[in-house]
Amino acid sequence: SSHQTTEKIADKAHDAVDSAAEKAARAEERLREATAQGNDIVTAVSDYVKENPLTALGLAFAAGTIFSSMTRRR
């Protein structure tokens, strides 16, 4: 009886550990995918800037101007 209770508790603990491990593995995979996607974006932006330096400079200036006007205290 106490052996059965101990066994049930051990089974539940084992299930909880398995569930946590599965969730951690899924989270790790999502993180790897997000990192790879981020790296792809950085590469694409870098390539665009190399191929279109003046356009990139103009876009950066425009974005900075807009950001500055949005954050300027009045």
C-alpha atoms as a PDB file:
ATOM      1  CA  SER A   1       0.000   0.000   0.000  1.00  0.00           C
ATOM      2  CA  SER A   2       2.693   2.499   0.957  1.00  0.00           C
ATOM      3  CA  HIS A   3       4.786   0.889  -1.783  1.00  0.00           C
ATOM      4  CA  GLN A   4       1.980   1.573  -4.278  1.00  0.00           C
ATOM      5  CA  THR A   5       1.707   5.183  -3.096  1.00  0.00           C
ATOM      6  CA  THR A   6       5.452   5.656  -3.455  1.00  0.00           C
ATOM      7  CA  GLU A   7       5.325   4.097  -6.910  1.00  0.00           C
ATOM      8  CA  LYS A   8       2.468   6.401  -7.982  1.00  0.00           C
ATOM      9  CA  ILE A   9       4.354   9.455  -6.732  1.00  0.00           C
ATOM     10  CA  ALA A  10       7.504   8.314  -8.532  1.00  0.00           C
ATOM     11  CA  ASP A  11       5.524   7.764 -11.755  1.00  0.00           C
ATOM     12  CA  LYS A  12       3.986  11.245 -11.542  1.00  0.00           C
ATOM     13  CA  ALA A  13       7.397  12.791 -10.861  1.00  0.00           C
ATOM     14  CA  HIS A  14       8.851  10.895 -13.821  1.00  0.00           C
ATOM     15  CA  ASP A  15       6.018  12.102 -16.064  1.00  0.00           C
ATOM     16  CA  ALA A  16       6.571  15.685 -14.898  1.00  0.00           C
ATOM     17  CA  VAL A  17      10.295  15.469 -15.641  1.00  0.00           C
ATOM     18  CA  ASP A  18       9.593  13.985 -19.092  1.00  0.00           C
ATOM     19  CA  SER A  19       7.085  16.744 -19.833  1.00  0.00           C
ATOM     20  CA  ALA A  20       9.520  19.452 -18.725  1.00  0.00           C
ATOM     21  CA  ALA A  21      12.289  17.929 -20.854  1.00  0.00           C
ATOM     22  CA  GLU A  22      10.014  17.857 -23.918  1.00  0.00           C
ATOM     23  CA  LYS A  23       9.012  21.496 -23.379  1.00  0.00           C
ATOM     24  CA  ALA A  24      12.654  22.500 -22.953  1.00  0.00           C
ATOM     25  CA  ALA A  25      13.597  20.693 -26.169  1.00  0.00           C
ATOM     26  CA  ARG A  26      10.802  22.454 -28.094  1.00  0.00           C
ATOM     27  CA  ALA A  27      11.840  25.823 -26.650  1.00  0.00           C
ATOM     28  CA  GLU A  28      15.457  25.172 -27.624  1.00  0.00           C
ATOM     29  CA  GLU A  29      14.414  24.330 -31.186  1.00  0.00           C
ATOM     30  CA  ARG A  30      12.326  27.512 -31.448  1.00  0.00           C
ATOM     31  CA  LEU A  31      15.286  29.526 -30.166  1.00  0.00           C
ATOM     32  CA  ARG A  32      17.597  27.918 -32.740  1.00  0.00           C
ATOM     33  CA  GLU A  33      15.102  28.687 -35.520  1.00  0.00           C
ATOM     34  CA  ALA A  34      14.710  32.302 -34.372  1.00  0.00           C
ATOM     35  CA  THR A  35      18.484  32.712 -34.203  1.00  0.00           C
ATOM     36  CA  ALA A  36      18.890  31.307 -37.710  1.00  0.00           C
ATOM     37  CA  GLN A  37      16.143  33.604 -39.003  1.00  0.00           C
ATOM     38  CA  GLY A  38      17.811  36.582 -37.302  1.00  0.00           C
ATOM     39  CA  ASN A  39      21.123  35.658 -38.902  1.00  0.00           C
ATOM     40  CA  ASP A  40      19.420  35.447 -42.306  1.00  0.00           C
ATOM     41  CA  ILE A  41      17.961  38.936 -41.831  1.00  0.00           C
ATOM     42  CA  VAL A  42      21.332  40.375 -40.806  1.00  0.00           C
ATOM     43  CA  THR A  43      22.947  38.802 -43.871  1.00  0.00           C
ATOM     44  CA  ALA A  44      20.230  40.150 -46.173  1.00  0.00           C
ATOM     45  CA  VAL A  45      20.521  43.668 -44.746  1.00  0.00           C
ATOM     46  CA  SER A  46      24.306  43.548 -44.951  1.00  0.00           C
ATOM     47  CA  ASP A  47      24.148  42.430 -48.582  1.00  0.00           C
ATOM     48  CA  TYR A  48      21.634  45.187 -49.398  1.00  0.00           C
ATOM     49  CA  VAL A  49      23.850  47.848 -47.808  1.00  0.00           C
ATOM     50  CA  LYS A  50      26.890  46.609 -49.753  1.00  0.00           C
ATOM     51  CA  GLU A  51      24.939  46.658 -53.021  1.00  0.00           C
ATOM     52  CA  ASN A  52      23.106  49.957 -52.346  1.00  0.00           C
ATOM     53  CA  PRO A  53      25.229  52.069 -49.981  1.00  0.00           C
ATOM     54  CA  LEU A  54      23.712  55.461 -50.841  1.00  0.00           C
ATOM     55  CA  THR A  55      20.143  54.202 -50.622  1.00  0.00           C
ATOM     56  CA  ALA A  56      20.938  52.536 -47.300  1.00  0.00           C
ATOM     57  CA  LEU A  57      22.487  55.768 -46.014  1.00  0.00           C
ATOM     58  CA  GLY A  58      19.392  57.719 -47.070  1.00  0.00           C
ATOM     59  CA  LEU A  59      17.080  55.205 -45.394  1.00  0.00           C
ATOM     60  CA  ALA A  60      19.145  55.296 -42.208  1.00  0.00           C
ATOM     61  CA  PHE A  61      19.068  59.101 -42.197  1.00  0.00           C
ATOM     62  CA  ALA A  62      15.296  59.149 -42.752  1.00  0.00           C
ATOM     63  CA  ALA A  63      14.714  56.573 -40.018  1.00  0.00           C
ATOM     64  CA  GLY A  64      16.914  58.555 -37.621  1.00  0.00           C
ATOM     65  CA  THR A  65      15.077  61.773 -38.416  1.00  0.00           C
ATOM     66  CA  ILE A  66      11.680  60.149 -37.867  1.00  0.00           C
ATOM     67  CA  PHE A  67      12.817  58.492 -34.643  1.00  0.00           C
ATOM     68  CA  SER A  68      14.294  61.764 -33.398  1.00  0.00           C
ATOM     69  CA  SER A  69      11.102  63.691 -34.116  1.00  0.00           C
ATOM     70  CA  MET A  70       9.007  61.025 -32.371  1.00  0.00           C
ATOM     71  CA  THR A  71      11.157  61.002 -29.235  1.00  0.00           C
ATOM     72  CA  ARG A  72      11.891  64.730 -29.012  1.00  0.00           C
ATOM     73  CA  ARG A  73      10.488  66.329 -25.904  1.00  0.00           C
ATOM     74  CA  ARG A  74       8.207  69.242 -26.512  1.00  0.00           C
END
